[in-house]
Amino acid sequence: MEEYKKSILEYRDVRDAVEYAREEGFEKGIEKGLIEGSNQKSIEIIKKCLEKHMPLEEIADLTGFSKEQIIAIINDER
């Protein structure tokens, strides 16, 4: 009987650890998706600003991207 109780406790520990890991992974996935979506929207804004011939300094100020990052985006589009 003691072995049975011990195995049940071990099973529950493993189950709880797996559930915790699953929840943690899900939360990190959501967070990553939100960040990627936000970055994609900022890239779209950068492209529109560039079409309007806005200065890099202004674009950087509006989007929070550095001038170097904006230049990299420009180069990636070519």
Protein backbone atom coordinates (compact mmCIF):
# COMPACT_ATOMS: atom_id res chain seq x y z
CA MET A 1 0.00 0.00 0.00
CA GLU A 2 2.86 2.37 0.83
CA GLU A 3 4.42 1.75 -2.59
CA TYR A 4 1.10 2.54 -4.22
CA LYS A 5 0.74 5.82 -2.32
CA LYS A 6 4.33 6.72 -3.19
CA SER A 7 3.74 6.02 -6.88
CA ILE A 8 0.58 8.16 -6.85
CA LEU A 9 2.52 11.07 -5.31
CA GLU A 10 5.31 10.67 -7.86
CA TYR A 11 2.77 10.58 -10.69
CA ARG A 12 1.12 13.75 -9.43
CA ASP A 13 4.49 15.48 -9.11
CA VAL A 14 5.39 14.61 -12.69
CA ARG A 15 1.93 15.58 -13.95
CA ASP A 16 2.12 18.94 -12.16
CA ALA A 17 5.61 19.60 -13.52
CA VAL A 18 4.47 18.83 -17.07
CA GLU A 19 1.40 21.04 -16.70
CA TYR A 20 3.51 23.88 -15.33
CA ALA A 21 5.97 23.54 -18.21
CA ARG A 22 3.11 23.51 -20.72
CA GLU A 23 1.59 26.67 -19.25
CA GLU A 24 4.99 28.38 -19.13
CA GLY A 25 5.65 27.48 -22.76
CA PHE A 26 2.23 28.71 -23.80
CA GLU A 27 2.75 32.05 -22.06
CA LYS A 28 6.17 32.49 -23.64
CA GLY A 29 4.71 31.63 -27.05
CA ILE A 30 1.99 34.24 -26.66
CA GLU A 31 4.53 36.83 -25.54
CA LYS A 32 6.81 36.04 -28.47
CA GLY A 33 3.89 36.26 -30.90
CA LEU A 34 2.86 39.65 -29.55
CA ILE A 35 6.41 40.97 -29.85
CA GLU A 36 6.78 39.66 -33.39
CA GLY A 37 3.40 41.15 -34.36
CA SER A 38 4.38 44.49 -32.88
CA ASN A 39 7.71 44.44 -34.71
CA GLN A 40 5.97 43.57 -37.98
CA LYS A 41 3.57 46.49 -37.55
CA SER A 42 6.51 48.81 -36.86
CA ILE A 43 8.24 47.57 -40.01
CA GLU A 44 5.10 48.35 -42.02
CA ILE A 45 5.06 51.85 -40.53
CA ILE A 46 8.76 52.28 -41.37
CA LYS A 47 8.09 51.32 -44.99
CA LYS A 48 5.23 53.83 -45.25
CA CYS A 49 7.38 56.56 -43.72
CA LEU A 50 10.16 55.79 -46.17
CA GLU A 51 7.68 56.02 -49.06
CA LYS A 52 6.84 59.52 -47.80
CA HIS A 53 10.58 60.33 -47.69
CA MET A 54 10.61 61.01 -43.96
CA PRO A 55 14.04 61.48 -42.37
CA LEU A 56 15.51 58.45 -40.59
CA GLU A 57 15.69 60.37 -37.32
CA GLU A 58 11.93 60.96 -37.36
CA ILE A 59 11.19 57.35 -38.26
CA ALA A 60 13.47 56.17 -35.47
CA ASP A 61 11.71 58.47 -33.01
CA LEU A 62 8.25 57.25 -34.07
CA THR A 63 9.00 53.53 -34.09
CA GLY A 64 11.65 53.11 -31.41
CA PHE A 65 13.95 51.41 -33.92
CA SER A 66 17.50 52.67 -34.27
CA LYS A 67 18.71 54.23 -37.51
CA GLU A 68 20.88 51.15 -38.03
CA GLN A 69 17.85 48.87 -37.70
CA ILE A 70 15.91 51.00 -40.18
CA ILE A 71 18.79 50.86 -42.64
CA ALA A 72 18.89 47.07 -42.23
CA ILE A 73 15.15 46.92 -43.01
CA ILE A 74 15.72 49.05 -46.11
CA ASN A 75 18.54 46.74 -47.22
CA ASP A 76 16.43 43.62 -46.59
CA GLU A 77 13.73 44.96 -48.89
CA ARG A 78 16.11 45.35 -51.81
